[in-house]
Amino acid sequence: MEQHKEGLIDFMFVTSFFGKLKGLLFSKQPGRIIVLTHCRSIHTFGMVNEIDVAFIDQKGRVLASETRVKPRTRIKKRGAVAVVERLSCSEAPWLREGEKLYLSGGNVLTGKNKERK
């Protein structure tokens, strides 16, 4: 994960149904952060690793944040419009409830699995 001086973090938007269904399932990149758009629930069925998740409302506020979510778990948060996920890394700080996110740019994973900026 590349973190910039201004507190900016690189991430990828995931917008397609199958992209969201897959999530971080086959990811081996510990620093990879994805943002699942139009999403208020996640599952970790099929996952081997624990993940960190944060549920975001339409104003960019973190409604709930959980770290080290174990495989075979389902979590839902009313009022969320997006979910931020990464593979758990104990040494890196994670989003906290009440924080405000400003999502801009990033890469977009579309239904055709093409990345664009």
C-alpha atoms as a PDB file:
ATOM      1  CA  MET A   1       0.000   0.000   0.000  1.00  0.00           C
ATOM      2  CA  GLU A   2       1.397   3.330  -0.977  1.00  0.00           C
ATOM      3  CA  GLN A   3       0.641   6.099   1.483  1.00  0.00           C
ATOM      4  CA  HIS A   4       1.357   9.681   0.480  1.00  0.00           C
ATOM      5  CA  LYS A   5       2.474  12.601   2.666  1.00  0.00           C
ATOM      6  CA  GLU A   6      -0.992  14.155   2.599  1.00  0.00           C
ATOM      7  CA  GLY A   7      -2.552  11.002   4.104  1.00  0.00           C
ATOM      8  CA  LEU A   8      -3.703   9.772   0.708  1.00  0.00           C
ATOM      9  CA  ILE A   9      -3.838   6.040   0.099  1.00  0.00           C
ATOM     10  CA  ASP A  10      -3.983   4.203  -3.223  1.00  0.00           C
ATOM     11  CA  PHE A  11      -7.036   1.993  -3.709  1.00  0.00           C
ATOM     12  CA  MET A  12      -9.168   0.368  -6.389  1.00  0.00           C
ATOM     13  CA  PHE A  13     -12.919   0.834  -6.884  1.00  0.00           C
ATOM     14  CA  VAL A  14     -14.760  -2.442  -7.528  1.00  0.00           C
ATOM     15  CA  THR A  15     -18.085  -1.803  -9.243  1.00  0.00           C
ATOM     16  CA  SER A  16     -19.165  -5.067 -10.906  1.00  0.00           C
ATOM     17  CA  PHE A  17     -21.283  -7.756  -9.250  1.00  0.00           C
ATOM     18  CA  PHE A  18     -18.680 -10.486  -9.819  1.00  0.00           C
ATOM     19  CA  GLY A  19     -15.835  -8.202  -8.777  1.00  0.00           C
ATOM     20  CA  LYS A  20     -17.602  -7.502  -5.490  1.00  0.00           C
ATOM     21  CA  LEU A  21     -18.461 -11.168  -5.039  1.00  0.00           C
ATOM     22  CA  LYS A  22     -14.767 -12.039  -5.445  1.00  0.00           C
ATOM     23  CA  GLY A  23     -13.481  -9.122  -3.355  1.00  0.00           C
ATOM     24  CA  LEU A  24     -10.081 -10.084  -1.934  1.00  0.00           C
ATOM     25  CA  LEU A  25     -10.689 -13.821  -2.332  1.00  0.00           C
ATOM     26  CA  PHE A  26      -7.537 -14.584  -4.350  1.00  0.00           C
ATOM     27  CA  SER A  27      -5.488 -11.563  -3.347  1.00  0.00           C
ATOM     28  CA  LYS A  28      -2.009 -12.099  -1.989  1.00  0.00           C
ATOM     29  CA  GLN A  29      -1.131  -8.381  -1.832  1.00  0.00           C
ATOM     30  CA  PRO A  30      -1.213  -7.354   1.834  1.00  0.00           C
ATOM     31  CA  GLY A  31      -1.359  -3.640   1.066  1.00  0.00           C
ATOM     32  CA  ARG A  32      -4.068  -3.791  -1.593  1.00  0.00           C
ATOM     33  CA  ILE A  33      -7.147  -1.769  -0.667  1.00  0.00           C
ATOM     34  CA  ILE A  34     -10.423  -2.106  -2.519  1.00  0.00           C
ATOM     35  CA  VAL A  35     -13.612  -0.058  -2.281  1.00  0.00           C
ATOM     36  CA  LEU A  36     -16.781  -2.014  -3.006  1.00  0.00           C
ATOM     37  CA  THR A  37     -19.306   0.513  -4.327  1.00  0.00           C
ATOM     38  CA  HIS A  38     -23.065   0.286  -3.730  1.00  0.00           C
ATOM     39  CA  CYS A  39     -22.436  -2.253  -0.974  1.00  0.00           C
ATOM     40  CA  ARG A  40     -23.555  -2.606   2.642  1.00  0.00           C
ATOM     41  CA  SER A  41     -22.669  -6.211   3.430  1.00  0.00           C
ATOM     42  CA  ILE A  42     -19.661  -8.468   2.966  1.00  0.00           C
ATOM     43  CA  HIS A  43     -18.793 -12.116   3.492  1.00  0.00           C
ATOM     44  CA  THR A  44     -15.536 -13.970   3.899  1.00  0.00           C
ATOM     45  CA  PHE A  45     -16.692 -17.400   2.709  1.00  0.00           C
ATOM     46  CA  GLY A  46     -13.856 -19.071   0.827  1.00  0.00           C
ATOM     47  CA  MET A  47     -11.262 -16.720   2.306  1.00  0.00           C
ATOM     48  CA  VAL A  48      -8.116 -18.095   3.899  1.00  0.00           C
ATOM     49  CA  ASN A  49      -6.846 -14.838   5.428  1.00  0.00           C
ATOM     50  CA  GLU A  50      -8.448 -12.389   7.825  1.00  0.00           C
ATOM     51  CA  ILE A  51      -9.464  -8.992   6.429  1.00  0.00           C
ATOM     52  CA  ASP A  52     -10.043  -5.475   7.752  1.00  0.00           C
ATOM     53  CA  VAL A  53     -13.295  -3.792   6.694  1.00  0.00           C
ATOM     54  CA  ALA A  54     -14.869  -0.363   7.058  1.00  0.00           C
ATOM     55  CA  PHE A  55     -18.443   0.550   6.133  1.00  0.00           C
ATOM     56  CA  ILE A  56     -18.864   4.016   4.615  1.00  0.00           C
ATOM     57  CA  ASP A  57     -22.011   6.174   4.403  1.00  0.00           C
ATOM     58  CA  GLN A  58     -22.947   8.512   1.539  1.00  0.00           C
ATOM     59  CA  LYS A  59     -21.126  11.429   3.181  1.00  0.00           C
ATOM     60  CA  GLY A  60     -17.858   9.463   3.389  1.00  0.00           C
ATOM     61  CA  ARG A  61     -18.078   8.832   7.130  1.00  0.00           C
ATOM     62  CA  VAL A  62     -16.925   5.499   8.562  1.00  0.00           C
ATOM     63  CA  LEU A  63     -20.025   3.963  10.159  1.00  0.00           C
ATOM     64  CA  ALA A  64     -18.281   0.843  11.455  1.00  0.00           C
ATOM     65  CA  SER A  65     -14.817  -0.621  11.283  1.00  0.00           C
ATOM     66  CA  GLU A  66     -13.646  -4.140  12.056  1.00  0.00           C
ATOM     67  CA  THR A  67     -10.188  -5.641  11.928  1.00  0.00           C
ATOM     68  CA  ARG A  68      -9.131  -9.259  11.597  1.00  0.00           C
ATOM     69  CA  VAL A  69     -12.512 -10.483  10.338  1.00  0.00           C
ATOM     70  CA  LYS A  70     -12.203 -14.248  10.218  1.00  0.00           C
ATOM     71  CA  PRO A  71     -13.067 -16.490   7.256  1.00  0.00           C
ATOM     72  CA  ARG A  72     -16.691 -17.712   6.992  1.00  0.00           C
ATOM     73  CA  THR A  73     -18.120 -14.477   8.414  1.00  0.00           C
ATOM     74  CA  ARG A  74     -20.922 -12.239   7.127  1.00  0.00           C
ATOM     75  CA  ILE A  75     -21.245  -8.595   8.208  1.00  0.00           C
ATOM     76  CA  LYS A  76     -23.927  -6.065   7.264  1.00  0.00           C
ATOM     77  CA  LYS A  77     -24.239  -2.381   8.171  1.00  0.00           C
ATOM     78  CA  ARG A  78     -27.433  -0.412   7.614  1.00  0.00           C
ATOM     79  CA  GLY A  79     -26.799   2.979   6.026  1.00  0.00           C
ATOM     80  CA  ALA A  80     -23.563   1.956   4.307  1.00  0.00           C
ATOM     81  CA  VAL A  81     -23.103   2.703   0.603  1.00  0.00           C
ATOM     82  CA  ALA A  82     -19.580   1.328   0.244  1.00  0.00           C
ATOM     83  CA  VAL A  83     -17.175  -1.016   1.993  1.00  0.00           C
ATOM     84  CA  VAL A  84     -13.400  -0.611   2.169  1.00  0.00           C
ATOM     85  CA  GLU A  85     -11.427  -3.861   2.497  1.00  0.00           C
ATOM     86  CA  ARG A  86      -7.827  -5.008   2.800  1.00  0.00           C
ATOM     87  CA  LEU A  87      -6.042  -8.131   3.958  1.00  0.00           C
ATOM     88  CA  SER A  88      -5.348  -7.719   7.675  1.00  0.00           C
ATOM     89  CA  CYS A  89      -1.947  -6.290   8.559  1.00  0.00           C
ATOM     90  CA  SER A  90      -1.376  -5.693  12.229  1.00  0.00           C
ATOM     91  CA  GLU A  91       1.431  -3.178  11.709  1.00  0.00           C
ATOM     92  CA  ALA A  92      -0.597  -0.756   9.567  1.00  0.00           C
ATOM     93  CA  PRO A  93      -3.277   1.527  11.045  1.00  0.00           C
ATOM     94  CA  TRP A  94      -6.850   1.029   9.863  1.00  0.00           C
ATOM     95  CA  LEU A  95      -9.878   3.264   9.510  1.00  0.00           C
ATOM     96  CA  ARG A  96     -11.755   4.141  12.686  1.00  0.00           C
ATOM     97  CA  GLU A  97     -15.456   4.743  13.226  1.00  0.00           C
ATOM     98  CA  GLY A  98     -16.324   8.416  12.728  1.00  0.00           C
ATOM     99  CA  GLU A  99     -13.406   9.183  10.381  1.00  0.00           C
ATOM    100  CA  LYS A 100     -14.215  10.934   7.123  1.00  0.00           C
ATOM    101  CA  LEU A 101     -13.000   9.639   3.757  1.00  0.00           C
ATOM    102  CA  TYR A 102     -12.659  11.608   0.575  1.00  0.00           C
ATOM    103  CA  LEU A 103     -12.576   9.114  -2.284  1.00  0.00           C
ATOM    104  CA  SER A 104     -11.175  10.543  -5.468  1.00  0.00           C
ATOM    105  CA  GLY A 105      -9.489   8.998  -8.460  1.00  0.00           C
ATOM    106  CA  GLY A 106      -8.213   5.533  -7.722  1.00  0.00           C
ATOM    107  CA  ASN A 107      -8.469   2.754 -10.250  1.00  0.00           C
ATOM    108  CA  VAL A 108     -11.815   1.367 -11.324  1.00  0.00           C
ATOM    109  CA  LEU A 109     -12.449  -2.347 -11.840  1.00  0.00           C
ATOM    110  CA  THR A 110     -15.379  -2.513 -14.256  1.00  0.00           C
ATOM    111  CA  GLY A 111     -17.632  -5.394 -15.218  1.00  0.00           C
ATOM    112  CA  LYS A 112     -15.197  -6.247 -18.016  1.00  0.00           C
ATOM    113  CA  ASN A 113     -12.274  -6.382 -15.544  1.00  0.00           C
ATOM    114  CA  LYS A 114     -10.444  -3.537 -17.253  1.00  0.00           C
ATOM    115  CA  GLU A 115      -8.601  -1.064 -15.106  1.00  0.00           C
ATOM    116  CA  ARG A 116      -8.700   2.624 -15.892  1.00  0.00           C
ATOM    117  CA  LYS A 117      -7.755   5.811 -14.108  1.00  0.00           C
END
